[in-house]
Amino acid sequence: MNDHLKHIIIAQFEAALSMLNDCLQGCPPEHWDTPIAKYPFWQVAYHTLCFVDCYLAPDNAAWKPDPTFHPAGRAELDEEYPSRRFTQPELLEYLAICREKLGDALAAETRTSLEGPSGFSHLPFSRAELHLYNIRHVQHHTGQLGAFLRRAGVDTMWVKTGSR
């Protein structure tokens, strides 16, 4: 069951990240700074990737901010606004790094770790549920970005599964 569950989580996480990638690639330059509700397109995508990255770590203490994508360290997650603006190529690169981390993180999971705590005190559920929570977070923001792009005349795709 453990391998089957890990395969399902990876496949659906990959699908969610593929849809986010499609939104990032499809965003015309003139819309990169357009607000999606309160925040610019790029910031919604950046926020999403920061939490994908963080929640793939075994726990809060294990997450190490990458200076390339987190110039202000942990403050990039804790503050309302990032320390700087990120470009489309930068966020596409960050998404690729998150995809690699996904494979590594899920490969390291065991039945015991998946049934154990999330590793994040503000998320009082199991590690398995954390992965589902992370996927839902990606889909929530990808839905915002996709809806905006469709209103701007840019087609977006639906991905059923992303298992490589």
Protein backbone atom coordinates (compact mmCIF):
# COMPACT_ATOMS: atom_id res chain seq x y z
CA MET A 1 0.00 0.00 0.00
CA ASN A 2 2.81 2.42 0.82
CA ASP A 3 4.29 2.29 -2.70
CA HIS A 4 0.84 2.60 -4.22
CA LEU A 5 0.03 5.65 -2.07
CA LYS A 6 3.37 7.26 -2.89
CA HIS A 7 2.77 6.70 -6.61
CA ILE A 8 -0.68 8.36 -6.36
CA ILE A 9 0.69 11.35 -4.46
CA ILE A 10 3.56 11.81 -6.92
CA ALA A 11 1.26 11.45 -9.95
CA GLN A 12 -1.26 14.01 -8.70
CA PHE A 13 1.43 16.38 -7.44
CA GLU A 14 3.15 16.19 -10.83
CA ALA A 15 -0.18 16.92 -12.53
CA ALA A 16 -0.72 19.98 -10.33
CA LEU A 17 2.82 21.22 -10.98
CA SER A 18 2.39 20.61 -14.72
CA MET A 19 -0.68 22.82 -14.71
CA LEU A 20 1.18 25.51 -12.75
CA ASN A 21 4.05 25.23 -15.25
CA ASP A 22 1.57 25.71 -18.10
CA CYS A 23 0.27 28.90 -16.44
CA LEU A 24 3.78 30.24 -15.91
CA GLN A 25 4.81 29.51 -19.49
CA GLY A 26 1.58 30.88 -20.90
CA CYS A 27 1.55 34.18 -19.04
CA PRO A 28 2.18 36.99 -21.55
CA PRO A 29 4.82 39.51 -20.40
CA GLU A 30 2.24 42.28 -20.18
CA HIS A 31 0.32 40.27 -17.55
CA TRP A 32 3.25 39.21 -15.35
CA ASP A 33 2.59 42.11 -12.95
CA THR A 34 -1.21 42.15 -13.28
CA PRO A 35 -3.01 41.61 -9.98
CA ILE A 36 -4.71 38.31 -9.25
CA ALA A 37 -6.98 39.61 -6.49
CA LYS A 38 -4.44 41.48 -4.33
CA TYR A 39 -1.08 40.23 -5.62
CA PRO A 40 0.64 40.28 -9.02
CA PHE A 41 0.57 37.11 -11.14
CA TRP A 42 4.24 36.37 -10.46
CA GLN A 43 3.82 36.73 -6.69
CA VAL A 44 0.95 34.23 -6.58
CA ALA A 45 3.14 31.75 -8.44
CA TYR A 46 6.15 32.50 -6.22
CA HIS A 47 4.11 32.08 -3.03
CA THR A 48 2.83 28.73 -4.30
CA LEU A 49 6.32 27.46 -5.09
CA CYS A 50 7.76 28.63 -1.76
CA PHE A 51 5.27 26.50 0.13
CA VAL A 52 5.68 23.51 -2.19
CA ASP A 53 9.40 23.72 -1.48
CA CYS A 54 9.01 24.20 2.27
CA TYR A 55 6.41 21.46 2.81
CA LEU A 56 8.46 18.91 0.89
CA ALA A 57 11.10 19.18 3.63
CA PRO A 58 10.79 16.59 6.42
CA ASP A 59 9.95 19.34 8.89
CA ASN A 60 10.12 23.07 9.44
CA ALA A 61 13.68 22.98 10.82
CA ALA A 62 14.94 20.92 7.87
CA TRP A 63 13.80 23.41 5.22
CA LYS A 64 16.79 25.39 4.01
CA PRO A 65 15.99 28.52 2.00
CA ASP A 66 17.92 28.74 -1.27
CA PRO A 67 19.47 32.24 -1.54
CA THR A 68 18.60 32.33 -5.25
CA PHE A 69 14.88 32.06 -4.54
CA HIS A 70 14.77 33.23 -0.93
CA PRO A 71 17.14 36.22 -0.69
CA ALA A 72 15.62 37.15 2.68
CA GLY A 73 15.64 33.57 3.95
CA ARG A 74 12.61 32.36 5.88
CA ALA A 75 11.13 35.87 5.72
CA GLU A 76 10.17 35.12 2.10
CA LEU A 77 7.48 32.82 3.51
CA ASP A 78 6.62 34.75 6.64
CA GLU A 79 6.27 38.27 5.19
CA GLU A 80 3.38 39.37 3.01
CA TYR A 81 5.61 40.54 0.16
CA PRO A 82 8.78 38.94 -1.22
CA SER A 83 12.07 40.80 -0.95
CA ARG A 84 12.22 41.26 -4.73
CA ARG A 85 10.34 40.66 -7.97
CA PHE A 86 10.94 37.33 -9.72
CA THR A 87 11.01 36.81 -13.50
CA GLN A 88 9.24 34.18 -15.54
CA PRO A 89 12.45 32.20 -16.27
CA GLU A 90 13.36 32.29 -12.56
CA LEU A 91 10.01 30.87 -11.48
CA LEU A 92 10.13 28.21 -14.20
CA GLU A 93 13.55 27.21 -12.85
CA TYR A 94 12.20 27.17 -9.28
CA LEU A 95 9.31 24.97 -10.38
CA ALA A 96 11.78 22.50 -11.95
CA ILE A 97 13.72 22.39 -8.68
CA CYS A 98 10.51 21.73 -6.75
CA ARG A 99 9.72 18.84 -9.10
CA GLU A 100 13.09 17.29 -8.34
CA LYS A 101 12.52 17.77 -4.61
CA LEU A 102 9.13 16.08 -4.95
CA GLY A 103 10.71 12.87 -6.21
CA ASP A 104 13.38 12.91 -3.52
CA ALA A 105 10.92 13.71 -0.73
CA LEU A 106 8.46 10.98 -1.64
CA ALA A 107 11.20 8.42 -2.20
CA ALA A 108 12.32 9.01 1.39
CA GLU A 109 8.84 8.53 2.85
CA THR A 110 8.04 5.30 4.68
CA ARG A 111 4.78 4.01 6.05
CA THR A 112 5.86 5.23 9.47
CA SER A 113 6.75 8.72 8.22
CA LEU A 114 3.54 9.05 6.18
CA GLU A 115 1.48 8.11 9.24
CA GLY A 116 3.55 10.37 11.51
CA PRO A 117 3.16 14.10 12.12
CA SER A 118 3.42 16.59 9.27
CA GLY A 119 6.58 18.13 10.70
CA PHE A 120 4.97 21.57 10.83
CA SER A 121 3.37 22.50 14.15
CA HIS A 122 0.79 24.78 12.51
CA LEU A 123 -0.44 21.83 10.42
CA PRO A 124 -1.64 19.25 12.97
CA PHE A 125 -2.13 16.25 10.72
CA SER A 126 -0.13 13.38 9.23
CA ARG A 127 2.67 13.63 6.72
CA ALA A 128 0.47 11.90 4.11
CA GLU A 129 -2.22 14.52 4.63
CA LEU A 130 0.43 17.25 4.36
CA HIS A 131 1.22 16.07 0.82
CA LEU A 132 -2.48 16.25 -0.09
CA TYR A 133 -2.73 19.67 1.55
CA ASN A 134 0.27 20.81 -0.50
CA ILE A 135 -1.34 19.57 -3.73
CA ARG A 136 -4.59 21.39 -2.87
CA HIS A 137 -2.61 24.59 -2.24
CA VAL A 138 -0.96 24.29 -5.67
CA GLN A 139 -4.32 23.66 -7.33
CA HIS A 140 -5.98 26.56 -5.54
CA HIS A 141 -3.48 29.09 -6.83
CA THR A 142 -3.11 27.41 -10.21
CA GLY A 143 -6.89 27.77 -10.57
CA GLN A 144 -6.61 31.50 -9.85
CA LEU A 145 -3.80 31.91 -12.40
CA GLY A 146 -5.55 29.74 -14.99
CA ALA A 147 -8.86 31.59 -14.66
CA PHE A 148 -7.05 34.91 -15.08
CA LEU A 149 -5.21 33.66 -18.17
CA ARG A 150 -8.40 32.31 -19.75
CA ARG A 151 -10.06 35.72 -19.25
CA ALA A 152 -7.01 37.24 -20.97
CA GLY A 153 -7.49 34.88 -23.93
CA VAL A 154 -4.76 32.37 -23.05
CA ASP A 155 -5.73 28.71 -23.12
CA THR A 156 -4.62 26.55 -20.22
CA MET A 157 -4.55 22.79 -19.98
CA TRP A 158 -5.96 20.21 -17.61
CA VAL A 159 -3.57 17.41 -16.65
CA LYS A 160 -5.09 14.15 -15.37
CA THR A 161 -1.91 12.61 -14.04
CA GLY A 162 1.70 13.60 -14.06
CA SER A 163 3.46 10.38 -13.31
CA ARG A 164 6.63 10.34 -15.33
